[in-house]
Every structure is written in structure tokens, then in C-alpha cells.
Amino acid sequence: MARPTANTSLDAAERALAAVVDDPLRAEAAALAVLSDRGVDAEAASVAHRTVGLVARETGRLSVARQRLRRAIAVADERVVHRRERV
């Protein structure tokens, strides 16, 4: 089986994010699947953490929501720092 590329991981994470309102449990499962891939890139990971955080918020798990949303920001910040270092 072929390993997912960064683009397919990001696409999957964005599809999960789009599903938060209509089907939060499916969205959370899809986001966790993205995060389970060892090779997931930072952008896809950030979107997936955001998705899990938003689902947690919608389902009243505010502590989990705070942790996941902070993780999404941290991952995105790390990505920006790494991009600047390469320039």
C-alpha cells in the first residue's frame, strides 16, 4: 500500500475540519487517523489538532479542546520557524 503524501494528509485533515459541524464524531475520527500517520507533515497535523479541538469544544470537553487548540497553534508556529530557518 502506498504511503500517503503530505497533500493527501492535508486534504484528509481539511475534509475532517469541514465535517465538524455536520458530523463531529466522524470528523474527530478522521482527524485522529491523520495524526496516527508517523509521516504527517506539520500543516496537516495542525489542521487535525484544530479539528479535534473544535469537536471537543462542541461536545463540552473544554479541557481537551484547550489542549488540542493550543497544540494546533504550537505545531503551526513550529512550521513557521522552520520555514524561516531554511530561508
C-alpha atoms as a PDB file:
ATOM      1  CA  MET A   1       0.000   0.000   0.000  1.00  0.00           C
ATOM      2  CA  ALA A   2       1.330   3.434  -0.904  1.00  0.00           C
ATOM      3  CA  ARG A   3       2.267   5.835   1.843  1.00  0.00           C
ATOM      4  CA  PRO A   4       0.071   8.969   1.905  1.00  0.00           C
ATOM      5  CA  THR A   5       1.733  12.124   0.691  1.00  0.00           C
ATOM      6  CA  ALA A   6       1.699  15.429   2.513  1.00  0.00           C
ATOM      7  CA  ASN A   7      -1.004  16.689   0.164  1.00  0.00           C
ATOM      8  CA  THR A   8      -3.288  13.714   0.802  1.00  0.00           C
ATOM      9  CA  SER A   9      -2.771  14.086   4.563  1.00  0.00           C
ATOM     10  CA  LEU A  10      -3.615  17.780   4.345  1.00  0.00           C
ATOM     11  CA  ASP A  11      -6.641  17.038   2.158  1.00  0.00           C
ATOM     12  CA  ALA A  12      -7.859  14.460   4.690  1.00  0.00           C
ATOM     13  CA  ALA A  13      -7.322  16.897   7.574  1.00  0.00           C
ATOM     14  CA  GLU A  14      -9.225  19.633   5.744  1.00  0.00           C
ATOM     15  CA  ARG A  15     -12.108  17.258   4.957  1.00  0.00           C
ATOM     16  CA  ALA A  16     -12.252  16.349   8.646  1.00  0.00           C
ATOM     17  CA  LEU A  17     -12.317  20.032   9.604  1.00  0.00           C
ATOM     18  CA  ALA A  18     -15.168  20.680   7.176  1.00  0.00           C
ATOM     19  CA  ALA A  19     -17.206  17.875   8.776  1.00  0.00           C
ATOM     20  CA  VAL A  20     -17.049  19.213  12.354  1.00  0.00           C
ATOM     21  CA  VAL A  21     -20.488  20.834  12.303  1.00  0.00           C
ATOM     22  CA  ASP A  22     -22.364  18.124  10.409  1.00  0.00           C
ATOM     23  CA  ASP A  23     -20.750  15.004  11.879  1.00  0.00           C
ATOM     24  CA  PRO A  24     -18.380  15.781  14.754  1.00  0.00           C
ATOM     25  CA  LEU A  25     -17.635  12.166  15.676  1.00  0.00           C
ATOM     26  CA  ARG A  26     -16.696  11.293  12.097  1.00  0.00           C
ATOM     27  CA  ALA A  27     -14.619  14.459  11.900  1.00  0.00           C
ATOM     28  CA  GLU A  28     -12.767  13.574  15.085  1.00  0.00           C
ATOM     29  CA  ALA A  29     -12.102  10.003  13.915  1.00  0.00           C
ATOM     30  CA  ALA A  30     -10.796  11.262  10.567  1.00  0.00           C
ATOM     31  CA  ALA A  31      -8.537  13.835  12.248  1.00  0.00           C
ATOM     32  CA  LEU A  32      -7.149  11.235  14.634  1.00  0.00           C
ATOM     33  CA  ALA A  33      -6.446   8.986  11.650  1.00  0.00           C
ATOM     34  CA  VAL A  34      -4.386  11.789  10.083  1.00  0.00           C
ATOM     35  CA  LEU A  35      -2.468  12.229  13.330  1.00  0.00           C
ATOM     36  CA  SER A  36      -1.785   8.498  13.581  1.00  0.00           C
ATOM     37  CA  ASP A  37       0.400   8.617  10.462  1.00  0.00           C
ATOM     38  CA  ARG A  38       4.021   8.912  11.602  1.00  0.00           C
ATOM     39  CA  GLY A  39       4.924  10.868   8.478  1.00  0.00           C
ATOM     40  CA  VAL A  40       2.212  13.504   8.758  1.00  0.00           C
ATOM     41  CA  ASP A  41       3.510  16.973   7.938  1.00  0.00           C
ATOM     42  CA  ALA A  42       3.134  19.955  10.267  1.00  0.00           C
ATOM     43  CA  GLU A  43       0.387  21.684   8.315  1.00  0.00           C
ATOM     44  CA  ALA A  44      -1.833  18.597   8.203  1.00  0.00           C
ATOM     45  CA  ALA A  45      -1.101  17.891  11.880  1.00  0.00           C
ATOM     46  CA  SER A  46      -2.049  21.429  12.853  1.00  0.00           C
ATOM     47  CA  VAL A  47      -5.362  21.214  10.974  1.00  0.00           C
ATOM     48  CA  ALA A  48      -6.073  17.799  12.506  1.00  0.00           C
ATOM     49  CA  HIS A  49      -5.367  19.027  16.054  1.00  0.00           C
ATOM     50  CA  ARG A  50      -7.632  22.025  15.393  1.00  0.00           C
ATOM     51  CA  THR A  51     -10.385  19.667  14.245  1.00  0.00           C
ATOM     52  CA  VAL A  52     -10.121  17.515  17.361  1.00  0.00           C
ATOM     53  CA  GLY A  53     -10.150  20.679  19.474  1.00  0.00           C
ATOM     54  CA  LEU A  54     -13.255  22.040  17.804  1.00  0.00           C
ATOM     55  CA  VAL A  55     -15.077  18.726  18.188  1.00  0.00           C
ATOM     56  CA  ALA A  56     -14.095  18.655  21.857  1.00  0.00           C
ATOM     57  CA  ARG A  57     -15.447  22.183  22.282  1.00  0.00           C
ATOM     58  CA  GLU A  58     -18.708  21.252  20.558  1.00  0.00           C
ATOM     59  CA  THR A  59     -19.118  18.210  22.807  1.00  0.00           C
ATOM     60  CA  GLY A  60     -18.365  20.069  26.043  1.00  0.00           C
ATOM     61  CA  ARG A  61     -14.877  18.675  26.663  1.00  0.00           C
ATOM     62  CA  LEU A  62     -13.353  22.087  27.213  1.00  0.00           C
ATOM     63  CA  SER A  63     -10.073  20.951  28.760  1.00  0.00           C
ATOM     64  CA  VAL A  64      -9.394  18.683  25.792  1.00  0.00           C
ATOM     65  CA  ALA A  65     -10.431  21.481  23.439  1.00  0.00           C
ATOM     66  CA  ARG A  66      -7.966  23.890  25.026  1.00  0.00           C
ATOM     67  CA  GLN A  67      -5.124  21.353  24.850  1.00  0.00           C
ATOM     68  CA  ARG A  68      -5.763  20.434  21.204  1.00  0.00           C
ATOM     69  CA  LEU A  69      -6.240  24.007  20.032  1.00  0.00           C
ATOM     70  CA  ARG A  70      -3.028  25.056  21.772  1.00  0.00           C
ATOM     71  CA  ARG A  71      -1.249  22.097  20.160  1.00  0.00           C
ATOM     72  CA  ALA A  72      -2.565  23.158  16.741  1.00  0.00           C
ATOM     73  CA  ILE A  73      -1.104  26.623  17.277  1.00  0.00           C
ATOM     74  CA  ALA A  74       2.215  25.237  18.542  1.00  0.00           C
ATOM     75  CA  VAL A  75       2.577  22.932  15.534  1.00  0.00           C
ATOM     76  CA  ALA A  76       1.777  25.785  13.156  1.00  0.00           C
ATOM     77  CA  ASP A  77       4.275  28.047  14.941  1.00  0.00           C
ATOM     78  CA  GLU A  78       6.982  25.366  14.672  1.00  0.00           C
ATOM     79  CA  ARG A  79       6.295  25.130  10.941  1.00  0.00           C
ATOM     80  CA  VAL A  80       6.732  28.881  10.510  1.00  0.00           C
ATOM     81  CA  VAL A  81      10.015  28.863  12.475  1.00  0.00           C
ATOM     82  CA  HIS A  82      11.382  26.004  10.372  1.00  0.00           C
ATOM     83  CA  ARG A  83      10.424  27.784   7.155  1.00  0.00           C
ATOM     84  CA  ARG A  84      12.246  30.933   8.285  1.00  0.00           C
ATOM     85  CA  GLU A  85      15.366  28.933   9.177  1.00  0.00           C
ATOM     86  CA  ARG A  86      15.534  27.490   5.664  1.00  0.00           C
ATOM     87  CA  VAL A  87      15.386  30.919   4.021  1.00  0.00           C
END
